[in-house]
PDB file of all heavy atoms in Angstrom:
ATOM      1  N   VAL A   1       0.912  -1.162  -0.028  1.00  0.00           N
ATOM      2  CA  VAL A   1      -0.036   0.052  -0.100  1.00  0.00           C
ATOM      3  C   VAL A   1       0.772   1.261  -0.009  1.00  0.00           C
ATOM      4  O   VAL A   1       1.690   1.433   0.975  1.00  0.00           O
ATOM      5  CB  VAL A   1      -0.922   0.010   1.213  1.00  0.00           C
ATOM      6  CG1 VAL A   1      -1.719   1.199   1.240  1.00  0.00           C
ATOM      7  CG2 VAL A   1      -1.811  -1.217   1.157  1.00  0.00           C
ATOM      8  N   ILE A   2       0.653   2.090  -1.084  1.00  0.00           N
ATOM      9  CA  ILE A   2       1.511   3.267  -1.194  1.00  0.00           C
ATOM     10  C   ILE A   2       0.856   4.353  -0.405  1.00  0.00           C
ATOM     11  O   ILE A   2       1.588   5.252   0.126  1.00  0.00           O
ATOM     12  CB  ILE A   2       1.757   3.595  -2.683  1.00  0.00           C
ATOM     13  CG1 ILE A   2       2.462   2.442  -3.389  1.00  0.00           C
ATOM     14  CG2 ILE A   2       2.694   4.889  -2.779  1.00  0.00           C
ATOM     15  CD1 ILE A   2       3.745   2.003  -2.684  1.00  0.00           C
ATOM     16  N   GLY A   3      -0.369   4.641  -0.592  1.00  0.00           N
ATOM     17  CA  GLY A   3      -1.126   5.784  -0.074  1.00  0.00           C
ATOM     18  C   GLY A   3      -2.270   6.172  -1.048  1.00  0.00           C
ATOM     19  O   GLY A   3      -2.762   5.432  -1.808  1.00  0.00           O
ATOM     20  N   THR A   4      -2.798   7.391  -0.815  1.00  0.00           N
ATOM     21  CA  THR A   4      -3.850   7.856  -1.731  1.00  0.00           C
ATOM     22  C   THR A   4      -3.416   9.101  -2.438  1.00  0.00           C
ATOM     23  O   THR A   4      -2.545   9.907  -1.963  1.00  0.00           O
ATOM     24  CB  THR A   4      -5.056   8.351  -0.738  1.00  0.00           C
ATOM     25  OG1 THR A   4      -4.536   9.422   0.155  1.00  0.00           O
ATOM     26  CG2 THR A   4      -5.670   7.145  -0.015  1.00  0.00           C
ATOM     27  N   THR A   5      -3.952   9.253  -3.541  1.00  0.00           N
ATOM     28  CA  THR A   5      -3.541  10.375  -4.631  1.00  0.00           C
ATOM     29  C   THR A   5      -4.002  11.685  -3.962  1.00  0.00           C
ATOM     30  O   THR A   5      -5.196  11.760  -3.354  1.00  0.00           O
ATOM     31  CB  THR A   5      -4.037  10.084  -5.973  1.00  0.00           C
ATOM     32  OG1 THR A   5      -5.548   9.871  -5.883  1.00  0.00           O
ATOM     33  CG2 THR A   5      -3.457   8.784  -6.698  1.00  0.00           C
ATOM     34  N   PRO A   6      -3.195  12.642  -4.277  1.00  0.00           N
ATOM     35  CA  PRO A   6      -1.994  12.751  -4.926  1.00  0.00           C
ATOM     36  C   PRO A   6      -0.777  12.313  -4.265  1.00  0.00           C
ATOM     37  O   PRO A   6      -0.702  12.480  -2.997  1.00  0.00           O
ATOM     38  CB  PRO A   6      -1.789  14.246  -5.302  1.00  0.00           C
ATOM     39  CG  PRO A   6      -2.437  14.927  -4.099  1.00  0.00           C
ATOM     40  CD  PRO A   6      -3.615  14.071  -3.831  1.00  0.00           C
ATOM     41  N   ILE A   7       0.083  11.515  -4.866  1.00  0.00           N
ATOM     42  CA  ILE A   7       1.265  10.934  -4.257  1.00  0.00           C
ATOM     43  C   ILE A   7       2.423  11.659  -4.727  1.00  0.00           C
ATOM     44  O   ILE A   7       2.957  11.649  -5.969  1.00  0.00           O
ATOM     45  CB  ILE A   7       1.369   9.385  -4.606  1.00  0.00           C
ATOM     46  CG1 ILE A   7       0.169   8.725  -3.856  1.00  0.00           C
ATOM     47  CG2 ILE A   7       2.680   8.825  -3.958  1.00  0.00           C
ATOM     48  CD1 ILE A   7       0.159   7.326  -4.305  1.00  0.00           C
ATOM     49  N   GLU A   8       3.067  12.452  -3.876  1.00  0.00           N
ATOM     50  CA  GLU A   8       4.232  13.352  -4.206  1.00  0.00           C
ATOM     51  C   GLU A   8       5.668  12.619  -4.066  1.00  0.00           C
ATOM     52  O   GLU A   8       6.448  13.004  -4.830  1.00  0.00           O
ATOM     53  CB  GLU A   8       4.168  14.662  -3.291  1.00  0.00           C
ATOM     54  CG  GLU A   8       2.907  15.454  -3.434  1.00  0.00           C
ATOM     55  CD  GLU A   8       2.674  16.034  -4.847  1.00  0.00           C
ATOM     56  OE1 GLU A   8       3.596  16.044  -5.638  1.00  0.00           O
ATOM     57  OE2 GLU A   8       1.460  16.257  -5.237  1.00  0.00           O
ATOM     58  N   THR A   9       5.669  11.638  -3.227  1.00  0.00           N
ATOM     59  CA  THR A   9       6.964  10.912  -2.961  1.00  0.00           C
ATOM     60  C   THR A   9       7.233  10.045  -4.025  1.00  0.00           C
ATOM     61  O   THR A   9       6.109   9.339  -4.525  1.00  0.00           O
ATOM     62  CB  THR A   9       6.936  10.275  -1.580  1.00  0.00           C
ATOM     63  OG1 THR A   9       5.820   9.401  -1.428  1.00  0.00           O
ATOM     64  CG2 THR A   9       6.724  11.289  -0.533  1.00  0.00           C
ATOM     65  N   GLU A  10       8.400   9.652  -4.440  1.00  0.00           N
ATOM     66  CA  GLU A  10       8.822   8.693  -5.365  1.00  0.00           C
ATOM     67  C   GLU A  10       9.100   7.328  -4.552  1.00  0.00           C
ATOM     68  O   GLU A  10       9.589   7.362  -3.367  1.00  0.00           O
ATOM     69  CB  GLU A  10       9.974   9.142  -6.144  1.00  0.00           C
ATOM     70  CG  GLU A  10       9.799  10.295  -6.923  1.00  0.00           C
ATOM     71  CD  GLU A  10      10.938  10.900  -7.638  1.00  0.00           C
ATOM     72  OE1 GLU A  10      12.086  10.348  -7.453  1.00  0.00           O
ATOM     73  OE2 GLU A  10      10.803  11.601  -8.541  1.00  0.00           O
ATOM     74  N   VAL A  11       8.828   6.267  -5.301  1.00  0.00           N
ATOM     75  CA  VAL A  11       8.876   4.945  -4.617  1.00  0.00           C
ATOM     76  C   VAL A  11      10.120   4.182  -5.163  1.00  0.00           C
ATOM     77  O   VAL A  11      10.140   4.167  -6.457  1.00  0.00           O
ATOM     78  CB  VAL A  11       7.608   4.080  -4.847  1.00  0.00           C
ATOM     79  CG1 VAL A  11       7.680   2.768  -4.186  1.00  0.00           C
ATOM     80  CG2 VAL A  11       6.343   4.909  -4.344  1.00  0.00           C
ATOM     81  N   GLU A  12      10.947   3.669  -4.351  1.00  0.00           N
ATOM     82  CA  GLU A  12      12.080   2.893  -4.754  1.00  0.00           C
ATOM     83  C   GLU A  12      11.595   1.410  -4.976  1.00  0.00           C
ATOM     84  O   GLU A  12      11.029   0.870  -4.040  1.00  0.00           O
ATOM     85  CB  GLU A  12      13.195   3.021  -3.775  1.00  0.00           C
ATOM     86  CG  GLU A  12      13.844   4.343  -3.633  1.00  0.00           C
ATOM     87  CD  GLU A  12      14.544   4.796  -4.768  1.00  0.00           C
ATOM     88  OE1 GLU A  12      15.166   3.863  -5.497  1.00  0.00           O
ATOM     89  OE2 GLU A  12      14.635   5.948  -5.080  1.00  0.00           O
ATOM     90  N   LEU A  13      11.993   0.840  -6.183  1.00  0.00           N
ATOM     91  CA  LEU A  13      11.476  -0.472  -6.530  1.00  0.00           C
ATOM     92  C   LEU A  13      12.657  -1.256  -7.095  1.00  0.00           C
ATOM     93  O   LEU A  13      13.641  -0.601  -7.751  1.00  0.00           O
ATOM     94  CB  LEU A  13      10.264  -0.485  -7.480  1.00  0.00           C
ATOM     95  CG  LEU A  13       9.043   0.156  -6.938  1.00  0.00           C
ATOM     96  CD1 LEU A  13       8.011   0.255  -8.190  1.00  0.00           C
ATOM     97  CD2 LEU A  13       8.352  -0.638  -5.820  1.00  0.00           C
ATOM     98  N   THR A  14      12.628  -2.628  -7.061  1.00  0.00           N
ATOM     99  CA  THR A  14      13.566  -3.482  -7.680  1.00  0.00           C
ATOM    100  C   THR A  14      13.391  -3.437  -9.072  1.00  0.00           C
ATOM    101  O   THR A  14      12.177  -3.321  -9.596  1.00  0.00           O
ATOM    102  CB  THR A  14      13.539  -4.809  -7.135  1.00  0.00           C
ATOM    103  OG1 THR A  14      12.113  -5.350  -7.333  1.00  0.00           O
ATOM    104  CG2 THR A  14      13.831  -4.866  -5.638  1.00  0.00           C
ATOM    105  N   PRO A  15      14.365  -3.548 -10.030  1.00  0.00           N
ATOM    106  CA  PRO A  15      14.241  -3.599 -11.354  1.00  0.00           C
ATOM    107  C   PRO A  15      13.181  -4.715 -11.844  1.00  0.00           C
ATOM    108  O   PRO A  15      13.158  -5.825 -11.150  1.00  0.00           O
ATOM    109  CB  PRO A  15      15.511  -3.813 -11.991  1.00  0.00           C
ATOM    110  CG  PRO A  15      16.432  -3.294 -10.881  1.00  0.00           C
ATOM    111  CD  PRO A  15      15.785  -3.624  -9.634  1.00  0.00           C
ATOM    112  N   GLY A  16      12.464  -4.518 -12.778  1.00  0.00           N
ATOM    113  CA  GLY A  16      11.357  -5.444 -13.310  1.00  0.00           C
ATOM    114  C   GLY A  16       9.972  -4.827 -13.516  1.00  0.00           C
ATOM    115  O   GLY A  16       9.825  -3.625 -13.421  1.00  0.00           O
ATOM    116  N   VAL A  17       9.076  -5.831 -13.615  1.00  0.00           N
ATOM    117  CA  VAL A  17       7.689  -5.384 -14.035  1.00  0.00           C
ATOM    118  C   VAL A  17       6.853  -5.443 -12.670  1.00  0.00           C
ATOM    119  O   VAL A  17       6.935  -6.411 -11.883  1.00  0.00           O
ATOM    120  CB  VAL A  17       7.153  -6.358 -14.989  1.00  0.00           C
ATOM    121  CG1 VAL A  17       5.589  -5.971 -15.283  1.00  0.00           C
ATOM    122  CG2 VAL A  17       7.829  -6.262 -16.297  1.00  0.00           C
ATOM    123  N   HIS A  18       6.257  -4.303 -12.409  1.00  0.00           N
ATOM    124  CA  HIS A  18       5.401  -4.287 -11.153  1.00  0.00           C
ATOM    125  C   HIS A  18       3.963  -3.906 -11.422  1.00  0.00           C
ATOM    126  O   HIS A  18       3.800  -3.232 -12.506  1.00  0.00           O
ATOM    127  CB  HIS A  18       5.943  -3.243 -10.303  1.00  0.00           C
ATOM    128  CG  HIS A  18       7.352  -3.488  -9.777  1.00  0.00           C
ATOM    129  ND1 HIS A  18       7.630  -4.094  -8.595  1.00  0.00           N
ATOM    130  CD2 HIS A  18       8.535  -3.237 -10.270  1.00  0.00           C
ATOM    131  CE1 HIS A  18       8.900  -4.196  -8.470  1.00  0.00           C
ATOM    132  NE2 HIS A  18       9.492  -3.676  -9.470  1.00  0.00           N
ATOM    133  N   GLN A  19       3.099  -4.432 -10.748  1.00  0.00           N
ATOM    134  CA  GLN A  19       1.621  -4.167 -10.843  1.00  0.00           C
ATOM    135  C   GLN A  19       1.183  -2.853 -10.117  1.00  0.00           C
ATOM    136  O   GLN A  19       1.511  -2.765  -8.882  1.00  0.00           O
ATOM    137  CB  GLN A  19       0.784  -5.288 -10.524  1.00  0.00           C
ATOM    138  CG  GLN A  19      -0.736  -5.010 -10.697  1.00  0.00           C
ATOM    139  CD  GLN A  19      -1.547  -6.211 -10.237  1.00  0.00           C
ATOM    140  OE1 GLN A  19      -1.709  -6.256  -8.928  1.00  0.00           O
ATOM    141  NE2 GLN A  19      -2.265  -7.029 -11.129  1.00  0.00           N
ATOM    142  N   LEU A  20       0.470  -2.015 -10.768  1.00  0.00           N
ATOM    143  CA  LEU A  20       0.006  -0.776 -10.071  1.00  0.00           C
ATOM    144  C   LEU A  20      -1.498  -0.909 -10.065  1.00  0.00           C
ATOM    145  O   LEU A  20      -2.171  -1.012 -11.134  1.00  0.00           O
ATOM    146  CB  LEU A  20       0.629   0.356 -10.928  1.00  0.00           C
ATOM    147  CG  LEU A  20       0.032   1.753 -10.398  1.00  0.00           C
ATOM    148  CD1 LEU A  20       0.514   2.009  -9.037  1.00  0.00           C
ATOM    149  CD2 LEU A  20       0.590   2.852 -11.426  1.00  0.00           C
ATOM    150  N   ARG A  21      -2.058  -0.666  -8.945  1.00  0.00           N
ATOM    151  CA  ARG A  21      -3.458  -0.675  -8.797  1.00  0.00           C
ATOM    152  C   ARG A  21      -4.046   0.587  -8.093  1.00  0.00           C
ATOM    153  O   ARG A  21      -3.375   0.977  -7.022  1.00  0.00           O
ATOM    154  CB  ARG A  21      -3.941  -2.007  -8.110  1.00  0.00           C
ATOM    155  CG  ARG A  21      -5.564  -2.110  -7.938  1.00  0.00           C
ATOM    156  CD  ARG A  21      -5.903  -3.239  -7.189  1.00  0.00           C
ATOM    157  NE  ARG A  21      -7.353  -3.255  -6.985  1.00  0.00           N
ATOM    158  CZ  ARG A  21      -8.196  -3.958  -7.706  1.00  0.00           C
ATOM    159  NH1 ARG A  21      -7.749  -4.617  -8.709  1.00  0.00           N
ATOM    160  NH2 ARG A  21      -9.529  -3.843  -7.424  1.00  0.00           N
ATOM    161  N   ALA A  22      -5.149   1.107  -8.448  1.00  0.00           N
ATOM    162  CA  ALA A  22      -5.594   2.307  -7.838  1.00  0.00           C
ATOM    163  C   ALA A  22      -7.290   1.945  -7.740  1.00  0.00           C
ATOM    164  O   ALA A  22      -7.866   1.614  -8.707  1.00  0.00           O
ATOM    165  CB  ALA A  22      -5.385   3.490  -8.535  1.00  0.00           C
ATOM    166  N   ASP A  23      -7.768   2.312  -6.561  1.00  0.00           N
ATOM    167  CA  ASP A  23      -9.283   2.154  -6.324  1.00  0.00           C
ATOM    168  C   ASP A  23      -9.870   3.429  -5.858  1.00  0.00           C
ATOM    169  O   ASP A  23      -9.281   4.069  -4.913  1.00  0.00           O
ATOM    170  CB  ASP A  23      -9.527   0.963  -5.333  1.00  0.00           C
ATOM    171  CG  ASP A  23      -9.165  -0.379  -5.856  1.00  0.00           C
ATOM    172  OD1 ASP A  23      -9.800  -0.904  -6.626  1.00  0.00           O
ATOM    173  OD2 ASP A  23      -7.948  -0.828  -5.545  1.00  0.00           O
ATOM    174  N   LEU A  24     -11.030   3.672  -6.339  1.00  0.00           N
ATOM    175  CA  LEU A  24     -11.765   5.002  -6.020  1.00  0.00           C
ATOM    176  C   LEU A  24     -13.236   4.747  -6.144  1.00  0.00           C
ATOM    177  O   LEU A  24     -13.558   4.270  -7.190  1.00  0.00           O
ATOM    178  CB  LEU A  24     -11.285   6.178  -6.777  1.00  0.00           C
ATOM    179  CG  LEU A  24     -11.918   7.497  -6.398  1.00  0.00           C
ATOM    180  CD1 LEU A  24     -11.679   7.903  -4.901  1.00  0.00           C
ATOM    181  CD2 LEU A  24     -11.506   8.565  -7.456  1.00  0.00           C
ATOM    182  N   ASP A  25     -14.011   5.072  -5.046  1.00  0.00           N
ATOM    183  CA  ASP A  25     -15.469   4.810  -5.213  1.00  0.00           C
ATOM    184  C   ASP A  25     -15.996   5.640  -6.305  1.00  0.00           C
ATOM    185  O   ASP A  25     -15.800   6.770  -6.593  1.00  0.00           O
ATOM    186  CB  ASP A  25     -16.084   5.299  -3.843  1.00  0.00           C
ATOM    187  CG  ASP A  25     -15.837   4.404  -2.772  1.00  0.00           C
ATOM    188  OD1 ASP A  25     -15.447   3.302  -2.972  1.00  0.00           O
ATOM    189  OD2 ASP A  25     -16.098   4.792  -1.521  1.00  0.00           O
ATOM    190  N   GLY A  26     -16.902   4.809  -7.051  1.00  0.00           N
ATOM    191  CA  GLY A  26     -17.560   5.508  -8.302  1.00  0.00           C
ATOM    192  C   GLY A  26     -16.661   5.373  -9.523  1.00  0.00           C
ATOM    193  O   GLY A  26     -17.165   5.945 -10.587  1.00  0.00           O
ATOM    194  N   PHE A  27     -15.451   4.664  -9.491  1.00  0.00           N
ATOM    195  CA  PHE A  27     -14.604   4.632 -10.706  1.00  0.00           C
ATOM    196  C   PHE A  27     -14.120   3.086 -10.928  1.00  0.00           C
ATOM    197  O   PHE A  27     -14.167   2.294  -9.922  1.00  0.00           O
ATOM    198  CB  PHE A  27     -13.461   5.453 -10.512  1.00  0.00           C
ATOM    199  CG  PHE A  27     -13.687   6.953 -10.530  1.00  0.00           C
ATOM    200  CD1 PHE A  27     -14.098   7.647  -9.383  1.00  0.00           C
ATOM    201  CD2 PHE A  27     -13.490   7.624 -11.647  1.00  0.00           C
ATOM    202  CE1 PHE A  27     -14.256   8.932  -9.295  1.00  0.00           C
ATOM    203  CE2 PHE A  27     -13.709   9.011 -11.669  1.00  0.00           C
ATOM    204  CZ  PHE A  27     -14.121   9.745 -10.456  1.00  0.00           C
ATOM    205  N   VAL A  28     -14.028   2.936 -12.089  1.00  0.00           N
ATOM    206  CA  VAL A  28     -13.462   1.464 -12.527  1.00  0.00           C
ATOM    207  C   VAL A  28     -12.089   1.355 -11.863  1.00  0.00           C
ATOM    208  O   VAL A  28     -11.297   2.230 -12.016  1.00  0.00           O
ATOM    209  CB  VAL A  28     -13.417   1.281 -14.001  1.00  0.00           C
ATOM    210  CG1 VAL A  28     -12.896  -0.052 -14.310  1.00  0.00           C
ATOM    211  CG2 VAL A  28     -14.864   1.457 -14.589  1.00  0.00           C
ATOM    212  N   PRO A  29     -11.712   0.252 -11.116  1.00  0.00           N
ATOM    213  CA  PRO A  29     -10.431   0.105 -10.650  1.00  0.00           C
ATOM    214  C   PRO A  29      -9.375   0.236 -11.705  1.00  0.00           C
ATOM    215  O   PRO A  29      -9.491  -0.507 -12.771  1.00  0.00           O
ATOM    216  CB  PRO A  29     -10.490  -1.414  -9.938  1.00  0.00           C
ATOM    217  CG  PRO A  29     -11.933  -1.545  -9.722  1.00  0.00           C
ATOM    218  CD  PRO A  29     -12.651  -0.925 -10.714  1.00  0.00           C
ATOM    219  N   PHE A  30      -8.407   0.832 -11.415  1.00  0.00           N
ATOM    220  CA  PHE A  30      -7.178   0.962 -12.427  1.00  0.00           C
ATOM    221  C   PHE A  30      -6.207  -0.134 -12.076  1.00  0.00           C
ATOM    222  O   PHE A  30      -5.657  -0.222 -10.982  1.00  0.00           O
ATOM    223  CB  PHE A  30      -6.592   2.289 -12.304  1.00  0.00           C
ATOM    224  CG  PHE A  30      -5.368   2.522 -13.138  1.00  0.00           C
ATOM    225  CD1 PHE A  30      -5.523   2.927 -14.457  1.00  0.00           C
ATOM    226  CD2 PHE A  30      -4.159   2.226 -12.602  1.00  0.00           C
ATOM    227  CE1 PHE A  30      -4.316   3.111 -15.144  1.00  0.00           C
ATOM    228  CE2 PHE A  30      -2.895   2.307 -13.345  1.00  0.00           C
ATOM    229  CZ  PHE A  30      -3.077   2.782 -14.598  1.00  0.00           C
ATOM    230  N   VAL A  31      -5.798  -0.931 -13.043  1.00  0.00           N
ATOM    231  CA  VAL A  31      -4.891  -1.997 -12.999  1.00  0.00           C
ATOM    232  C   VAL A  31      -3.865  -1.833 -14.143  1.00  0.00           C
ATOM    233  O   VAL A  31      -4.364  -1.745 -15.383  1.00  0.00           O
ATOM    234  CB  VAL A  31      -5.481  -3.316 -13.014  1.00  0.00           C
ATOM    235  CG1 VAL A  31      -4.371  -4.342 -12.947  1.00  0.00           C
ATOM    236  CG2 VAL A  31      -6.423  -3.500 -11.737  1.00  0.00           C
ATOM    237  N   GLY A  32      -2.694  -1.681 -13.900  1.00  0.00           N
ATOM    238  CA  GLY A  32      -1.659  -1.508 -14.948  1.00  0.00           C
ATOM    239  C   GLY A  32      -0.343  -2.035 -14.541  1.00  0.00           C
ATOM    240  O   GLY A  32      -0.157  -2.525 -13.346  1.00  0.00           O
ATOM    241  N   HIS A  33       0.532  -2.260 -15.468  1.00  0.00           N
ATOM    242  CA  HIS A  33       1.832  -2.741 -15.203  1.00  0.00           C
ATOM    243  C   HIS A  33       3.007  -1.727 -15.669  1.00  0.00           C
ATOM    244  O   HIS A  33       2.838  -1.148 -16.769  1.00  0.00           O
ATOM    245  CB  HIS A  33       1.990  -4.085 -15.909  1.00  0.00           C
ATOM    246  CG  HIS A  33       1.202  -5.263 -15.424  1.00  0.00           C
ATOM    247  ND1 HIS A  33      -0.119  -5.467 -15.730  1.00  0.00           N
ATOM    248  CD2 HIS A  33       1.468  -6.230 -14.415  1.00  0.00           C
ATOM    249  CE1 HIS A  33      -0.745  -6.504 -15.135  1.00  0.00           C
ATOM    250  NE2 HIS A  33       0.219  -6.928 -14.316  1.00  0.00           N
ATOM    251  N   VAL A  34       3.933  -1.700 -14.847  1.00  0.00           N
ATOM    252  CA  VAL A  34       5.111  -0.637 -15.227  1.00  0.00           C
ATOM    253  C   VAL A  34       6.392  -1.393 -15.131  1.00  0.00           C
ATOM    254  O   VAL A  34       6.483  -2.199 -14.136  1.00  0.00           O
ATOM    255  CB  VAL A  34       4.925   0.609 -14.261  1.00  0.00           C
ATOM    256  CG1 VAL A  34       4.978   0.090 -12.777  1.00  0.00           C
ATOM    257  CG2 VAL A  34       6.006   1.645 -14.534  1.00  0.00           C
ATOM    258  N   THR A  35       7.254  -1.040 -15.975  1.00  0.00           N
ATOM    259  CA  THR A  35       8.532  -1.774 -15.864  1.00  0.00           C
ATOM    260  C   THR A  35       9.596  -0.556 -15.400  1.00  0.00           C
ATOM    261  O   THR A  35       9.731   0.525 -15.830  1.00  0.00           O
ATOM    262  CB  THR A  35       9.034  -2.053 -17.370  1.00  0.00           C
ATOM    263  OG1 THR A  35       8.190  -2.980 -17.875  1.00  0.00           O
ATOM    264  CG2 THR A  35      10.370  -2.639 -17.348  1.00  0.00           C
ATOM    265  N   VAL A  36      10.173  -0.972 -14.240  1.00  0.00           N
ATOM    266  CA  VAL A  36      11.200  -0.105 -13.619  1.00  0.00           C
ATOM    267  C   VAL A  36      12.572  -0.658 -13.943  1.00  0.00           C
ATOM    268  O   VAL A  36      12.895  -1.828 -13.958  1.00  0.00           O
ATOM    269  CB  VAL A  36      10.996  -0.194 -12.129  1.00  0.00           C
ATOM    270  CG1 VAL A  36      12.066   0.713 -11.425  1.00  0.00           C
ATOM    271  CG2 VAL A  36       9.672   0.341 -11.909  1.00  0.00           C
ATOM    272  N   GLU A  37      13.549   0.248 -14.380  1.00  0.00           N
ATOM    273  CA  GLU A  37      14.913   0.033 -14.519  1.00  0.00           C
ATOM    274  C   GLU A  37      15.852   0.531 -13.526  1.00  0.00           C
ATOM    275  O   GLU A  37      15.490   1.622 -12.987  1.00  0.00           O
ATOM    276  CB  GLU A  37      15.338   0.583 -15.958  1.00  0.00           C
ATOM    277  CG  GLU A  37      14.477  -0.054 -17.078  1.00  0.00           C
ATOM    278  CD  GLU A  37      15.051   0.470 -18.456  1.00  0.00           C
ATOM    279  OE1 GLU A  37      15.815   1.291 -18.501  1.00  0.00           O
ATOM    280  OE2 GLU A  37      14.446   0.022 -19.519  1.00  0.00           O
ATOM    281  N   ALA A  38      16.908  -0.122 -13.248  1.00  0.00           N
ATOM    282  CA  ALA A  38      17.864   0.399 -12.194  1.00  0.00           C
ATOM    283  C   ALA A  38      18.509   1.693 -12.506  1.00  0.00           C
ATOM    284  O   ALA A  38      18.757   1.830 -13.689  1.00  0.00           O
ATOM    285  CB  ALA A  38      18.984  -0.758 -11.961  1.00  0.00           C
ATOM    286  N   GLY A  39      18.454   2.456 -11.630  1.00  0.00           N
ATOM    287  CA  GLY A  39      19.075   3.915 -11.793  1.00  0.00           C
ATOM    288  C   GLY A  39      18.356   4.842 -12.542  1.00  0.00           C
ATOM    289  O   GLY A  39      18.895   5.966 -12.864  1.00  0.00           O
ATOM    290  N   THR A  40      17.088   4.580 -12.926  1.00  0.00           N
ATOM    291  CA  THR A  40      16.227   5.498 -13.652  1.00  0.00           C
ATOM    292  C   THR A  40      14.880   5.738 -12.873  1.00  0.00           C
ATOM    293  O   THR A  40      14.514   4.981 -12.023  1.00  0.00           O
ATOM    294  CB  THR A  40      15.813   4.898 -15.133  1.00  0.00           C
ATOM    295  OG1 THR A  40      15.151   3.682 -14.950  1.00  0.00           O
ATOM    296  CG2 THR A  40      17.204   4.678 -15.922  1.00  0.00           C
TER     297      THR A  40
END
């Protein structure tokens, strides 16, 4: 759990593909995948 939007802080993650999910009443749940590279 990261928090609620707006999220100003950046999250450190291991390199690879990560699932990103966001839920808000009255909205379709957002589910996506993001690729994180080391040092970027």
